[in-house]
Amino acid sequence: MIEAVITIRNAREGDAQGIADVHDAAWRDAYRGIIPGRELEKMIARRGPLWWHSAIVRGSRLLVLDFDETIGGYASYGRNRVPSLRYGGEVFELYIAPEFQGLGFGKRLFELARKDLAGHGYSSFLVWALADNERAVQFYTRLGGQNVRQAEERFGSETRARLAFAFE
């Protein structure tokens, strides 16, 4: 019998390349056709293994989905970056590699990030998603998120609407 171990754990320095790989694949999958191609590729290029290694070393709150020593997803989170909104925490990013999507791993990552935020005093938090990213909008709505704000984000010469989902 072959046995595979799936865990969600805090990121370690050796995870930087795997997180970068998930980031690249998940962003292309999620944003192709939403974010202009050249801008998308520039954004992806800025988040290579060195960037992720630095985030891990700095102590950023970063969980990874570890599928038998292959990184299949990640969530980063911390204090809310928009102080004018009354929510203490924020899930900055939650991405699952395309081959691991639809299996419930995103929800598990989300719930563990939520639990850790609450453990650090952030019982309420936000998640931002591009309005045109229907999978993300549906995902956060199914998890109970309430749309509390809309803003614009610029990508080169174009803008896209983004939505803030609140969780309490």
Protein backbone atom coordinates (compact mmCIF):
# COMPACT_ATOMS: atom_id res chain seq x y z
CA MET A 1 0.00 0.00 0.00
CA ILE A 2 1.21 3.52 -0.85
CA GLU A 3 0.50 6.16 1.74
CA ALA A 4 0.64 9.93 1.17
CA VAL A 5 0.68 12.41 4.05
CA ILE A 6 -1.16 15.69 3.70
CA THR A 7 -0.52 18.33 6.35
CA ILE A 8 -1.07 22.04 6.83
CA ARG A 9 1.79 23.60 8.72
CA ASN A 10 3.78 26.80 9.13
CA ALA A 11 6.11 27.53 6.24
CA ARG A 12 9.80 26.70 6.61
CA GLU A 13 12.77 28.22 4.78
CA GLY A 14 13.02 25.21 2.48
CA ASP A 15 9.45 25.84 1.25
CA ALA A 16 10.24 29.05 -0.67
CA GLN A 17 10.59 27.40 -4.09
CA GLY A 18 7.43 25.35 -3.64
CA ILE A 19 5.42 28.37 -2.55
CA ALA A 20 6.75 30.35 -5.53
CA ASP A 21 5.71 27.51 -7.85
CA VAL A 22 2.18 27.45 -6.40
CA HIS A 23 1.99 31.24 -6.59
CA ASP A 24 2.97 31.24 -10.27
CA ALA A 25 0.57 28.47 -11.32
CA ALA A 26 -2.35 29.62 -9.18
CA TRP A 27 -2.05 33.26 -10.26
CA ARG A 28 -1.92 32.35 -13.94
CA ASP A 29 -4.92 30.06 -13.46
CA ALA A 30 -6.94 32.61 -11.45
CA TYR A 31 -6.10 35.85 -13.24
CA ARG A 32 -5.50 35.03 -16.90
CA GLY A 33 -8.08 37.11 -18.75
CA ILE A 34 -8.74 39.30 -15.69
CA ILE A 35 -5.40 41.04 -15.12
CA PRO A 36 -3.77 42.26 -18.37
CA GLY A 37 -1.17 39.68 -19.45
CA ARG A 38 1.95 41.84 -19.23
CA GLU A 39 0.96 43.17 -15.80
CA LEU A 40 0.18 39.67 -14.56
CA GLU A 41 3.58 38.38 -15.63
CA LYS A 42 5.32 41.34 -13.94
CA MET A 43 3.44 40.64 -10.70
CA ILE A 44 4.34 36.96 -10.83
CA ALA A 45 8.01 37.71 -11.55
CA ARG A 46 8.26 39.85 -8.40
CA ARG A 47 7.31 36.89 -6.19
CA GLY A 48 10.08 34.38 -6.81
CA PRO A 49 11.71 32.05 -4.28
CA LEU A 50 13.90 34.82 -2.82
CA TRP A 51 10.84 36.93 -2.06
CA TRP A 52 9.13 34.00 -0.32
CA HIS A 53 12.30 33.05 1.55
CA SER A 54 12.52 36.60 2.86
CA ALA A 55 8.86 36.49 3.97
CA ILE A 56 9.47 33.24 5.84
CA VAL A 57 12.65 34.50 7.52
CA ARG A 58 10.87 37.74 8.57
CA GLY A 59 8.30 35.61 10.39
CA SER A 60 5.31 36.35 8.18
CA ARG A 61 2.22 34.33 9.09
CA LEU A 62 2.32 31.76 6.30
CA LEU A 63 0.70 28.33 6.22
CA VAL A 64 1.41 25.73 3.56
CA LEU A 65 -0.45 22.70 2.31
CA ASP A 66 2.21 19.98 2.30
CA PHE A 67 1.26 17.00 0.15
CA ASP A 68 3.93 14.39 0.80
CA GLU A 69 6.65 17.09 0.76
CA THR A 70 5.20 18.93 -2.25
CA ILE A 71 3.71 22.34 -1.55
CA GLY A 72 0.15 22.36 -2.91
CA GLY A 73 -1.09 25.67 -1.53
CA TYR A 74 -0.50 28.47 0.92
CA ALA A 75 -2.21 31.17 2.97
CA SER A 76 -0.63 34.37 4.25
CA TYR A 77 -2.35 36.56 6.82
CA GLY A 78 -1.84 39.08 9.60
CA ARG A 79 -3.00 42.50 10.77
CA ASN A 80 -5.48 44.34 8.53
CA ARG A 81 -3.64 46.69 6.13
CA VAL A 82 -6.60 49.11 5.84
CA PRO A 83 -6.95 50.75 9.27
CA SER A 84 -10.08 52.67 8.21
CA LEU A 85 -11.94 49.35 8.15
CA ARG A 86 -12.86 48.08 11.61
CA TYR A 87 -11.60 44.52 11.12
CA GLY A 88 -8.45 43.56 13.00
CA GLY A 89 -7.01 40.86 10.75
CA GLU A 90 -6.67 40.09 7.08
CA VAL A 91 -6.06 37.02 4.97
CA PHE A 92 -3.69 38.52 2.40
CA GLU A 93 -3.51 35.54 0.07
CA LEU A 94 -4.91 32.04 -0.16
CA TYR A 95 -3.95 30.02 -3.23
CA ILE A 96 -4.11 26.36 -4.13
CA ALA A 97 -2.18 24.85 -7.04
CA PRO A 98 -4.63 24.04 -9.86
CA GLU A 99 -4.13 20.28 -9.48
CA PHE A 100 -5.17 20.46 -5.79
CA GLN A 101 -8.25 22.67 -6.26
CA GLY A 102 -11.77 21.44 -5.60
CA LEU A 103 -10.73 18.98 -2.89
CA GLY A 104 -11.51 21.07 0.20
CA PHE A 105 -7.92 22.15 0.88
CA GLY A 106 -8.69 25.86 0.44
CA LYS A 107 -11.37 25.68 3.11
CA ARG A 108 -9.01 23.86 5.46
CA LEU A 109 -6.26 26.45 4.93
CA PHE A 110 -8.79 29.24 5.44
CA GLU A 111 -10.11 27.76 8.69
CA LEU A 112 -6.62 27.30 10.13
CA ALA A 113 -5.64 30.86 9.18
CA ARG A 114 -8.88 32.06 10.80
CA LYS A 115 -8.10 30.11 13.98
CA ASP A 116 -4.55 31.52 14.12
CA LEU A 117 -5.81 35.08 13.54
CA ALA A 118 -8.29 34.64 16.41
CA GLY A 119 -5.51 33.25 18.59
CA HIS A 120 -3.60 36.50 17.98
CA GLY A 121 -6.57 38.68 18.91
CA TYR A 122 -8.06 39.15 15.44
CA SER A 123 -11.52 37.63 15.75
CA SER A 124 -12.76 39.71 12.81
CA PHE A 125 -10.90 39.92 9.53
CA LEU A 126 -11.07 40.76 5.85
CA VAL A 127 -10.20 39.05 2.59
CA TRP A 128 -9.93 41.01 -0.66
CA ALA A 129 -10.74 39.41 -4.04
CA LEU A 130 -10.97 40.80 -7.55
CA ALA A 131 -14.67 41.07 -8.44
CA ASP A 132 -14.05 39.31 -11.78
CA ASN A 133 -12.49 36.30 -10.04
CA GLU A 134 -15.77 34.42 -9.76
CA ARG A 135 -14.25 31.34 -8.09
CA ALA A 136 -12.78 33.45 -5.28
CA VAL A 137 -15.96 35.50 -4.84
CA GLN A 138 -18.05 32.31 -4.63
CA PHE A 139 -15.51 30.67 -2.28
CA TYR A 140 -15.52 33.52 0.25
CA THR A 141 -19.30 33.92 0.00
CA ARG A 142 -19.81 30.19 0.69
CA LEU A 143 -17.56 30.51 3.75
CA GLY A 144 -19.84 33.24 5.12
CA GLY A 145 -17.99 36.37 4.02
CA GLN A 146 -20.02 39.55 3.75
CA ASN A 147 -19.08 42.04 1.04
CA VAL A 148 -18.36 45.23 3.00
CA ARG A 149 -16.33 47.36 0.59
CA GLN A 150 -15.47 47.79 -3.06
CA ALA A 151 -12.32 49.51 -4.28
CA GLU A 152 -10.40 49.84 -7.52
CA GLU A 153 -7.00 48.33 -8.20
CA ARG A 154 -4.80 49.53 -11.06
CA PHE A 155 -2.98 47.13 -13.37
CA GLY A 156 -0.92 49.22 -15.77
CA SER A 157 -3.40 51.50 -17.55
CA GLU A 158 -6.45 49.45 -16.56
CA THR A 159 -8.42 49.17 -13.32
CA ARG A 160 -10.36 46.29 -11.85
CA ALA A 161 -12.88 46.24 -9.02
CA ARG A 162 -11.90 44.40 -5.88
CA LEU A 163 -14.20 43.38 -3.06
CA ALA A 164 -13.57 43.11 0.68
CA PHE A 165 -15.25 40.16 2.39
CA ALA A 166 -15.61 40.45 6.16
CA PHE A 167 -15.66 37.57 8.61
CA GLU A 168 -16.63 37.96 12.26
